[in-house]
Amino acid sequence: KIQLAVLTARLAHMDLALEVSDAAVAELAKVGFDPVFGARPLKRAIQQRIENPLSKLLLEGKFAPKATIHVQVDPIKAPGQFSFS
């Protein structure tokens, strides 16, 4: 959640809010933890699964200023796939 707070703060400077569902946080924790390295890969997981796709959507103009971006993952229908709305 600390790494997500950093991303949330960066988006706040762009007049955007970020809300990450509990399922998405759990998925990030699952893919971002390594028994050898601990939680260090978490930052990379956030970049690959949230920041990079979100950057593309922002460049495409999918979110208006002052929008709240909701990040979800459906562990049953599409495990590991993050959706933004």
C-alpha atoms as a PDB file:
ATOM      1  CA  LYS A   1       0.000   0.000   0.000  1.00  0.00           C
ATOM      2  CA  ILE A   2       2.945   2.331   0.530  1.00  0.00           C
ATOM      3  CA  GLN A   3       4.028   1.978  -3.100  1.00  0.00           C
ATOM      4  CA  LEU A   4       0.437   2.587  -4.215  1.00  0.00           C
ATOM      5  CA  ALA A   5       0.360   5.729  -2.064  1.00  0.00           C
ATOM      6  CA  VAL A   6       3.344   7.052  -4.023  1.00  0.00           C
ATOM      7  CA  LEU A   7       1.474   6.486  -7.294  1.00  0.00           C
ATOM      8  CA  THR A   8      -1.676   8.048  -5.840  1.00  0.00           C
ATOM      9  CA  ALA A   9       0.296  11.144  -4.838  1.00  0.00           C
ATOM     10  CA  ARG A  10       1.795  11.448  -8.331  1.00  0.00           C
ATOM     11  CA  LEU A  11      -1.659  11.216  -9.877  1.00  0.00           C
ATOM     12  CA  ALA A  12      -2.994  13.787  -7.403  1.00  0.00           C
ATOM     13  CA  HIS A  13      -0.544  16.299  -8.887  1.00  0.00           C
ATOM     14  CA  MET A  14      -2.322  15.672 -12.190  1.00  0.00           C
ATOM     15  CA  ASP A  15      -5.766  16.248 -10.580  1.00  0.00           C
ATOM     16  CA  LEU A  16      -6.585  12.540 -10.700  1.00  0.00           C
ATOM     17  CA  ALA A  17      -7.598  10.207  -7.885  1.00  0.00           C
ATOM     18  CA  LEU A  18      -6.788   6.506  -7.700  1.00  0.00           C
ATOM     19  CA  GLU A  19      -8.844   3.847  -5.941  1.00  0.00           C
ATOM     20  CA  VAL A  20      -7.486   0.308  -5.946  1.00  0.00           C
ATOM     21  CA  SER A  21      -9.850  -2.509  -4.993  1.00  0.00           C
ATOM     22  CA  ASP A  22      -8.927  -5.021  -2.309  1.00  0.00           C
ATOM     23  CA  ALA A  23      -8.836  -7.769  -4.952  1.00  0.00           C
ATOM     24  CA  ALA A  24      -6.348  -5.732  -7.000  1.00  0.00           C
ATOM     25  CA  VAL A  25      -4.165  -5.147  -3.933  1.00  0.00           C
ATOM     26  CA  ALA A  26      -4.260  -8.882  -3.186  1.00  0.00           C
ATOM     27  CA  GLU A  27      -3.290  -9.702  -6.783  1.00  0.00           C
ATOM     28  CA  LEU A  28      -0.381  -7.237  -6.621  1.00  0.00           C
ATOM     29  CA  ALA A  29       0.768  -8.787  -3.358  1.00  0.00           C
ATOM     30  CA  LYS A  30       0.608 -12.238  -4.928  1.00  0.00           C
ATOM     31  CA  VAL A  31       2.616 -11.375  -8.044  1.00  0.00           C
ATOM     32  CA  GLY A  32       4.905  -8.876  -6.326  1.00  0.00           C
ATOM     33  CA  PHE A  33       6.237 -11.138  -3.593  1.00  0.00           C
ATOM     34  CA  ASP A  34       9.221 -13.413  -4.061  1.00  0.00           C
ATOM     35  CA  PRO A  35      10.395 -15.762  -1.283  1.00  0.00           C
ATOM     36  CA  VAL A  36      14.025 -14.876  -2.003  1.00  0.00           C
ATOM     37  CA  PHE A  37      13.693 -11.120  -2.491  1.00  0.00           C
ATOM     38  CA  GLY A  38      10.659 -10.471  -0.291  1.00  0.00           C
ATOM     39  CA  ALA A  39       8.512  -7.535  -1.408  1.00  0.00           C
ATOM     40  CA  ARG A  40      11.187  -5.869  -3.547  1.00  0.00           C
ATOM     41  CA  PRO A  41       9.597  -7.027  -6.829  1.00  0.00           C
ATOM     42  CA  LEU A  42       6.372  -5.285  -5.769  1.00  0.00           C
ATOM     43  CA  LYS A  43       7.440  -1.952  -7.258  1.00  0.00           C
ATOM     44  CA  ARG A  44       8.043  -3.622 -10.629  1.00  0.00           C
ATOM     45  CA  ALA A  45       4.673  -5.397 -10.420  1.00  0.00           C
ATOM     46  CA  ILE A  46       2.918  -2.066  -9.799  1.00  0.00           C
ATOM     47  CA  GLN A  47       4.758  -0.517 -12.745  1.00  0.00           C
ATOM     48  CA  GLN A  48       3.952  -3.356 -15.127  1.00  0.00           C
ATOM     49  CA  ARG A  49       0.360  -3.992 -14.087  1.00  0.00           C
ATOM     50  CA  ILE A  50      -0.927  -0.534 -13.157  1.00  0.00           C
ATOM     51  CA  GLU A  51       1.410   2.330 -14.095  1.00  0.00           C
ATOM     52  CA  ASN A  52       2.250   1.298 -17.673  1.00  0.00           C
ATOM     53  CA  PRO A  53      -1.318   0.473 -18.794  1.00  0.00           C
ATOM     54  CA  LEU A  54      -2.650   3.523 -16.959  1.00  0.00           C
ATOM     55  CA  SER A  55      -0.077   5.756 -18.666  1.00  0.00           C
ATOM     56  CA  LYS A  56      -1.281   4.568 -22.064  1.00  0.00           C
ATOM     57  CA  LEU A  57      -4.897   5.242 -21.116  1.00  0.00           C
ATOM     58  CA  LEU A  58      -4.004   8.731 -19.882  1.00  0.00           C
ATOM     59  CA  LEU A  59      -2.163   9.508 -23.121  1.00  0.00           C
ATOM     60  CA  GLU A  60      -5.208   8.324 -25.069  1.00  0.00           C
ATOM     61  CA  GLY A  61      -7.348  10.765 -23.061  1.00  0.00           C
ATOM     62  CA  LYS A  62      -9.547   8.091 -21.452  1.00  0.00           C
ATOM     63  CA  PHE A  63      -9.778   9.976 -18.151  1.00  0.00           C
ATOM     64  CA  ALA A  64     -10.860  13.580 -17.721  1.00  0.00           C
ATOM     65  CA  PRO A  65      -9.202  15.936 -15.236  1.00  0.00           C
ATOM     66  CA  LYS A  66     -10.429  15.451 -11.664  1.00  0.00           C
ATOM     67  CA  ALA A  67     -11.511  11.887 -12.485  1.00  0.00           C
ATOM     68  CA  THR A  68     -11.311   9.027 -10.036  1.00  0.00           C
ATOM     69  CA  ILE A  69      -9.639   6.004 -11.585  1.00  0.00           C
ATOM     70  CA  HIS A  70     -10.842   2.691 -10.195  1.00  0.00           C
ATOM     71  CA  VAL A  71      -8.483  -0.263 -10.508  1.00  0.00           C
ATOM     72  CA  GLN A  72     -10.074  -3.683 -10.236  1.00  0.00           C
ATOM     73  CA  VAL A  73      -9.267  -7.286 -10.931  1.00  0.00           C
ATOM     74  CA  ASP A  74     -11.768 -10.122 -11.217  1.00  0.00           C
ATOM     75  CA  PRO A  75     -10.041 -13.178  -9.729  1.00  0.00           C
ATOM     76  CA  ILE A  76     -12.673 -15.519 -11.196  1.00  0.00           C
ATOM     77  CA  LYS A  77     -13.326 -14.226 -14.725  1.00  0.00           C
ATOM     78  CA  ALA A  78      -9.915 -12.746 -15.503  1.00  0.00           C
ATOM     79  CA  PRO A  79      -7.329 -13.503 -12.820  1.00  0.00           C
ATOM     80  CA  GLY A  80      -4.271 -11.310 -13.114  1.00  0.00           C
ATOM     81  CA  GLN A  81      -5.953  -8.856 -15.500  1.00  0.00           C
ATOM     82  CA  PHE A  82      -6.365  -5.365 -14.139  1.00  0.00           C
ATOM     83  CA  SER A  83      -9.167  -3.151 -15.404  1.00  0.00           C
ATOM     84  CA  PHE A  84      -9.417   0.617 -15.166  1.00  0.00           C
ATOM     85  CA  SER A  85     -12.634   2.603 -15.046  1.00  0.00           C
END
